[in-house]
Amino acid sequence: MKRSRIGLALGGGAARGWSHIAVLRELDAKGIQPEVIAGTSIGALVGAAHALGRLDALEAWVRDMRWPDLAGYFDIRLEGGLIAGERLMAALAELIGDADFADCRTPFAAVATDLETGQERWLREGRVLDAVRASIAMPILFSPVRYEQTWLVDGGLVNPVPVSLCRAMGANRVIAVDLLGDALERENLQPASSVPEDGLLGRARRAMTEWLGRGEGVGMPSILDVMGRSINIMELRISRSRLAGDPPDVLLMPRMPGIGLLDFHRAEEAMQAGRQAVERASPALHDLICDIQRETTGRER
């Protein structure tokens, strides 16, 4: 009988992804330590930090993040995407290190999408931050990444919650975190006029939205909300289909009403949602642990 190996599939969801940090903390507090981690988009970033032993540094960074700080990482280029991403990746290199996959304390892999063929790519070799950068390359927002004579973009386009990758890496028990369960609730769709103007990025969002949406009537959603919600619709439909065909043993669904695409400054709210999701799933997690313990006892006999 094969030994149980727990995998953790961290899904995509932009700013909602900070909830992954709290999920990892709460699972550890319950004695659940994944032996395999697979991440898509923001899940790839948090998963990489954990696999490299740098989750503390990432958490401290996101807790201190404010709108002006976020704007400073956005190097607008308008070539392949609104943001080049070089400043952001330089900051992340300082936080989690310029490491290779071989340096990961826990086996880790990231999901990206081949922009030319539409195929799913599993990134498990080379520089970890290169894989993360490809996995978070949300179309239109971030420019794509050149990789082995092709272009890679956000893995959420093909595998928003990478349960299948966890299994391919040897996990026979999978805990998955789906960030998009409530992403389409009406309160998450904000009109352009409601975009806050505090900070540089807030003013830029408001100005761009009003310019592109002028003459379209009162209540027009902001352009970033339209983009983010459209991607959420697509990823939600894909994840529902894939999870139905390959369900995890435990599914965690943090609820984060009102946290939008670029609300990275709302880390505490997202992490609180992660803590609550683990608490709601406590019975299922307890059953998982008991099943593994029974299997272990059976093998020892």
Protein backbone atom coordinates (compact mmCIF):
# COMPACT_ATOMS: atom_id res chain seq x y z
CA MET A 1 0.00 0.00 0.00
CA LYS A 2 1.42 3.37 -1.05
CA ARG A 3 2.09 5.93 1.68
CA SER A 4 -0.31 8.87 1.71
CA ARG A 5 1.20 12.04 0.32
CA ILE A 6 -0.67 15.32 0.80
CA GLY A 7 -0.67 17.86 -1.99
CA LEU A 8 -1.87 21.47 -1.79
CA ALA A 9 -3.36 23.11 -4.90
CA LEU A 10 -3.37 26.91 -4.61
CA GLY A 11 -5.72 28.56 -7.09
CA GLY A 12 -5.56 31.88 -8.92
CA GLY A 13 -7.50 34.99 -7.99
CA ALA A 14 -5.25 38.10 -8.05
CA ALA A 15 -5.48 40.09 -4.78
CA ARG A 16 -7.64 37.39 -3.23
CA GLY A 17 -4.53 35.22 -3.20
CA TRP A 18 -3.21 36.63 0.05
CA SER A 19 -5.74 34.32 1.71
CA HIS A 20 -3.40 31.45 0.74
CA ILE A 21 -0.93 32.72 3.34
CA ALA A 22 -3.46 32.25 6.15
CA VAL A 23 -4.52 28.87 4.77
CA LEU A 24 -0.93 27.63 4.98
CA ARG A 25 -0.62 28.97 8.53
CA GLU A 26 -3.85 27.34 9.68
CA LEU A 27 -3.07 24.00 8.08
CA ASP A 28 0.32 23.98 9.78
CA ALA A 29 -1.38 24.73 13.12
CA LYS A 30 -3.52 21.63 12.57
CA GLY A 31 -0.43 19.53 11.88
CA ILE A 32 -1.08 19.34 8.14
CA GLN A 33 2.09 19.98 6.15
CA PRO A 34 1.78 19.47 2.40
CA GLU A 35 4.50 17.38 0.79
CA VAL A 36 3.69 18.72 -2.67
CA ILE A 37 2.56 22.25 -3.67
CA ALA A 38 1.14 23.33 -7.03
CA GLY A 39 0.14 26.91 -7.72
CA THR A 40 -1.63 28.90 -10.40
CA SER A 41 -1.10 32.67 -10.75
CA ILE A 42 -1.11 34.27 -7.27
CA GLY A 43 -1.18 30.72 -5.90
CA ALA A 44 2.15 30.13 -7.62
CA LEU A 45 3.66 33.16 -5.88
CA VAL A 46 2.50 32.17 -2.39
CA GLY A 47 3.31 28.51 -3.03
CA ALA A 48 6.83 29.42 -4.14
CA ALA A 49 7.41 31.52 -1.03
CA HIS A 50 6.32 28.64 1.19
CA ALA A 51 8.34 26.05 -0.71
CA LEU A 52 11.46 28.20 -0.38
CA GLY A 53 10.93 28.90 3.32
CA ARG A 54 10.20 32.59 2.71
CA LEU A 55 6.53 32.82 3.66
CA ASP A 56 7.30 35.03 6.68
CA ALA A 57 9.01 37.60 4.47
CA LEU A 58 6.16 37.61 1.96
CA GLU A 59 3.55 37.99 4.68
CA ALA A 60 5.37 40.92 6.26
CA TRP A 61 5.59 42.60 2.84
CA VAL A 62 1.91 42.22 1.98
CA ARG A 63 0.77 43.33 5.44
CA ASP A 64 2.61 46.63 4.98
CA MET A 65 1.41 47.19 1.40
CA ARG A 66 -0.47 50.39 0.65
CA TRP A 67 -1.85 51.91 -2.56
CA PRO A 68 1.19 54.15 -3.21
CA ASP A 69 3.53 51.17 -2.68
CA LEU A 70 1.57 49.09 -5.16
CA ALA A 71 1.62 51.84 -7.77
CA GLY A 72 5.40 52.01 -7.46
CA TYR A 73 5.74 48.41 -8.65
CA PHE A 74 3.72 49.02 -11.81
CA ASP A 75 6.05 49.90 -14.68
CA ILE A 76 3.59 50.89 -17.40
CA ARG A 77 4.80 49.89 -20.85
CA LEU A 78 1.72 49.16 -23.01
CA GLU A 79 3.56 46.44 -24.94
CA GLY A 80 1.97 43.01 -24.65
CA GLY A 81 0.32 44.20 -21.43
CA LEU A 82 -0.22 47.33 -19.36
CA ILE A 83 2.55 46.37 -16.91
CA ALA A 84 6.05 45.09 -17.73
CA GLY A 85 6.44 43.55 -14.27
CA GLU A 86 10.19 44.13 -13.93
CA ARG A 87 9.94 46.27 -10.78
CA LEU A 88 7.59 43.80 -9.13
CA MET A 89 9.84 40.84 -9.88
CA ALA A 90 12.88 42.71 -8.58
CA ALA A 91 11.04 43.27 -5.29
CA LEU A 92 9.99 39.61 -5.12
CA ALA A 93 13.57 38.50 -5.80
CA GLU A 94 14.64 40.37 -2.66
CA LEU A 95 11.78 38.82 -0.68
CA ILE A 96 11.97 35.16 -1.62
CA GLY A 97 15.39 34.90 -3.21
CA ASP A 98 16.73 34.15 -6.66
CA ALA A 99 16.42 30.38 -6.28
CA ASP A 100 16.02 27.36 -8.55
CA PHE A 101 13.37 24.67 -8.16
CA ALA A 102 16.08 22.38 -6.80
CA ASP A 103 16.33 24.73 -3.78
CA CYS A 104 12.69 24.23 -2.76
CA ARG A 105 12.22 22.60 0.62
CA THR A 106 8.90 21.21 -0.59
CA PRO A 107 8.40 19.99 -4.17
CA PHE A 108 6.71 22.84 -6.03
CA ALA A 109 5.39 23.52 -9.52
CA ALA A 110 3.57 26.37 -11.26
CA VAL A 111 0.98 26.39 -14.03
CA ALA A 112 1.20 28.67 -17.07
CA THR A 113 -0.56 28.83 -20.44
CA ASP A 114 1.14 28.65 -23.83
CA LEU A 115 -0.22 31.72 -25.61
CA GLU A 116 0.50 30.28 -29.06
CA THR A 117 -1.04 26.82 -28.66
CA GLY A 118 -3.35 27.26 -25.67
CA GLN A 119 -1.74 24.29 -23.98
CA GLU A 120 -1.20 23.97 -20.25
CA ARG A 121 2.46 24.16 -19.18
CA TRP A 122 3.77 22.74 -15.93
CA LEU A 123 6.88 24.61 -14.80
CA ARG A 124 9.13 22.58 -12.49
CA GLU A 125 12.70 23.36 -13.55
CA GLY A 126 14.98 26.38 -13.67
CA ARG A 127 14.51 29.66 -11.85
CA VAL A 128 11.47 29.72 -9.56
CA LEU A 129 10.70 33.41 -10.09
CA ASP A 130 10.68 32.95 -13.86
CA ALA A 131 7.95 30.35 -13.43
CA VAL A 132 6.03 32.59 -11.04
CA ARG A 133 6.27 35.53 -13.44
CA ALA A 134 4.82 33.41 -16.24
CA SER A 135 2.05 32.03 -14.04
CA ILE A 136 0.89 35.50 -12.91
CA ALA A 137 0.95 37.07 -16.40
CA MET A 138 -2.74 37.97 -16.49
CA PRO A 139 -3.64 38.89 -20.08
CA ILE A 140 -3.85 42.62 -20.80
CA LEU A 141 -2.62 43.54 -17.31
CA PHE A 142 0.84 41.89 -17.41
CA SER A 143 2.99 41.32 -20.47
CA PRO A 144 3.58 37.65 -21.45
CA VAL A 145 6.86 35.86 -20.71
CA ARG A 146 9.18 34.38 -23.34
CA TYR A 147 9.93 30.74 -22.56
CA GLU A 148 11.49 28.07 -24.81
CA GLN A 149 10.59 29.82 -28.10
CA THR A 150 7.01 30.49 -27.05
CA TRP A 151 5.04 33.00 -24.96
CA LEU A 152 3.50 32.11 -21.60
CA VAL A 153 0.64 33.80 -19.77
CA ASP A 154 -1.49 33.24 -16.66
CA GLY A 155 -2.09 29.59 -15.80
CA GLY A 156 -5.64 30.38 -14.72
CA LEU A 157 -6.71 30.34 -18.36
CA VAL A 158 -6.35 26.54 -18.42
CA ASN A 159 -6.09 25.24 -14.84
CA PRO A 160 -7.30 27.74 -12.20
CA VAL A 161 -7.05 25.24 -9.30
CA PRO A 162 -4.23 22.79 -10.13
CA VAL A 163 -5.43 19.58 -8.50
CA SER A 164 -4.26 17.58 -11.52
CA LEU A 165 -0.72 18.90 -11.18
CA CYS A 166 -0.60 17.91 -7.50
CA ARG A 167 -1.57 14.37 -8.46
CA ALA A 168 1.00 14.28 -11.26
CA MET A 169 3.64 15.24 -8.67
CA GLY A 170 2.77 12.20 -6.58
CA ALA A 171 0.08 13.42 -4.21
CA ASN A 172 -2.70 10.92 -3.51
CA ARG A 173 -4.52 13.26 -1.12
CA VAL A 174 -5.18 16.82 -2.29
CA ILE A 175 -6.37 19.91 -0.44
CA ALA A 176 -7.41 22.61 -2.91
CA VAL A 177 -8.03 26.33 -2.41
CA ASP A 178 -10.52 27.91 -4.82
CA LEU A 179 -10.52 31.70 -4.56
CA LEU A 180 -13.33 32.39 -7.03
CA GLY A 181 -16.34 30.89 -5.27
CA ASP A 182 -17.94 34.26 -4.59
CA ALA A 183 -16.06 36.35 -7.16
CA LEU A 184 -19.16 36.92 -9.29
CA GLU A 185 -21.42 38.29 -6.57
CA ARG A 186 -23.06 41.56 -7.54
CA GLU A 187 -21.34 43.58 -4.82
CA ASN A 188 -17.96 42.83 -6.40
CA LEU A 189 -18.86 44.76 -9.56
CA GLN A 190 -18.07 48.41 -8.92
CA PRO A 191 -19.03 51.35 -11.15
CA ALA A 192 -16.22 53.58 -12.39
CA SER A 193 -17.48 56.45 -10.25
CA SER A 194 -16.89 54.40 -7.08
CA VAL A 195 -13.19 53.71 -7.70
CA PRO A 196 -11.32 55.33 -4.76
CA GLU A 197 -8.97 58.20 -5.58
CA ASP A 198 -6.61 57.73 -2.65
CA GLY A 199 -3.15 57.20 -4.05
CA LEU A 200 -1.65 57.34 -7.50
CA LEU A 201 -3.10 54.08 -8.77
CA GLY A 202 -6.59 54.94 -7.61
CA ARG A 203 -6.52 58.23 -9.51
CA ALA A 204 -5.10 56.49 -12.58
CA ARG A 205 -7.86 53.88 -12.50
CA ARG A 206 -10.53 56.56 -12.20
CA ALA A 207 -9.10 58.72 -14.99
CA MET A 208 -8.60 55.82 -17.43
CA THR A 209 -12.05 54.45 -16.77
CA GLU A 210 -13.79 57.78 -17.22
CA TRP A 211 -11.90 58.44 -20.47
CA LEU A 212 -12.62 55.01 -21.97
CA GLY A 213 -16.19 54.88 -20.70
CA ARG A 214 -17.37 58.44 -21.29
CA GLY A 215 -20.80 58.74 -22.80
CA GLU A 216 -21.78 55.22 -21.76
CA GLY A 217 -24.12 56.24 -18.97
CA VAL A 218 -24.20 56.24 -15.19
CA GLY A 219 -22.97 53.13 -13.37
CA MET A 220 -20.53 51.92 -16.03
CA PRO A 221 -18.09 49.47 -14.38
CA SER A 222 -14.44 50.44 -14.31
CA ILE A 223 -12.33 49.01 -17.13
CA LEU A 224 -10.23 47.01 -14.68
CA ASP A 225 -13.35 45.57 -13.09
CA VAL A 226 -14.65 44.55 -16.50
CA MET A 227 -11.35 42.87 -17.31
CA GLY A 228 -11.04 41.19 -13.94
CA ARG A 229 -14.63 40.02 -13.82
CA SER A 230 -14.47 38.66 -17.38
CA ILE A 231 -11.39 36.61 -16.48
CA ASN A 232 -13.09 35.45 -13.28
CA ILE A 233 -16.12 34.24 -15.26
CA MET A 234 -13.91 32.25 -17.58
CA GLU A 235 -11.74 30.78 -14.81
CA LEU A 236 -14.74 29.97 -12.65
CA ARG A 237 -16.36 27.96 -15.45
CA ILE A 238 -13.11 26.15 -16.19
CA SER A 239 -12.41 25.35 -12.54
CA ARG A 240 -15.94 24.01 -11.97
CA SER A 241 -15.53 21.66 -14.92
CA ARG A 242 -12.07 20.47 -13.93
CA LEU A 243 -12.89 20.05 -10.24
CA ALA A 244 -15.96 18.00 -11.14
CA GLY A 245 -13.80 15.64 -13.16
CA ASP A 246 -10.92 15.52 -10.68
CA PRO A 247 -12.23 16.58 -7.25
CA PRO A 248 -9.84 17.24 -4.36
CA ASP A 249 -10.21 15.41 -1.06
CA VAL A 250 -10.88 18.74 0.69
CA LEU A 251 -11.95 21.97 -1.03
CA LEU A 252 -11.40 25.30 0.75
CA MET A 253 -13.34 28.31 -0.56
CA PRO A 254 -12.46 31.61 1.16
CA ARG A 255 -15.25 34.18 0.92
CA MET A 256 -14.02 37.69 0.10
CA PRO A 257 -16.95 39.87 -1.02
CA GLY A 258 -15.78 43.21 -2.35
CA ILE A 259 -12.08 42.36 -2.80
CA GLY A 260 -11.30 43.24 -6.39
CA LEU A 261 -8.60 42.50 -8.93
CA LEU A 262 -5.96 44.94 -7.64
CA ASP A 263 -6.95 45.25 -3.98
CA PHE A 264 -3.57 43.90 -2.86
CA HIS A 265 -3.53 46.44 -0.03
CA ARG A 266 -6.38 44.53 1.69
CA ALA A 267 -4.21 41.63 2.81
CA GLU A 268 -5.65 41.32 6.30
CA GLU A 269 -9.19 40.93 4.96
CA ALA A 270 -8.05 38.27 2.52
CA MET A 271 -6.08 36.40 5.18
CA GLN A 272 -9.03 36.51 7.57
CA ALA A 273 -11.11 34.88 4.84
CA GLY A 274 -8.46 32.17 4.52
CA ARG A 275 -8.55 31.48 8.25
CA GLN A 276 -12.33 31.22 8.20
CA ALA A 277 -12.27 28.87 5.21
CA VAL A 278 -9.99 26.45 7.05
CA GLU A 279 -12.22 26.65 10.12
CA ARG A 280 -15.33 25.85 8.07
CA ALA A 281 -13.53 22.84 6.59
CA SER A 282 -12.25 21.57 9.96
CA PRO A 283 -14.50 18.46 9.96
CA ALA A 284 -13.35 17.46 6.46
CA LEU A 285 -9.71 18.09 7.38
CA HIS A 286 -10.14 16.04 10.57
CA ASP A 287 -11.58 13.16 8.55
CA LEU A 288 -8.66 13.39 6.11
CA ILE A 289 -6.13 13.17 8.92
CA CYS A 290 -7.97 10.23 10.49
CA ASP A 291 -8.06 8.38 7.16
CA ILE A 292 -4.33 8.84 6.72
CA GLN A 293 -3.65 7.68 10.27
CA ARG A 294 -5.75 4.55 9.71
CA GLU A 295 -3.87 3.80 6.51
CA THR A 296 -0.55 4.26 8.29
CA THR A 297 -1.64 1.93 11.10
CA GLY A 298 -2.75 -0.67 8.54
CA ARG A 299 0.63 -0.62 6.82
CA GLU A 300 2.51 -0.97 10.10
CA ARG A 301 0.55 -4.11 10.89
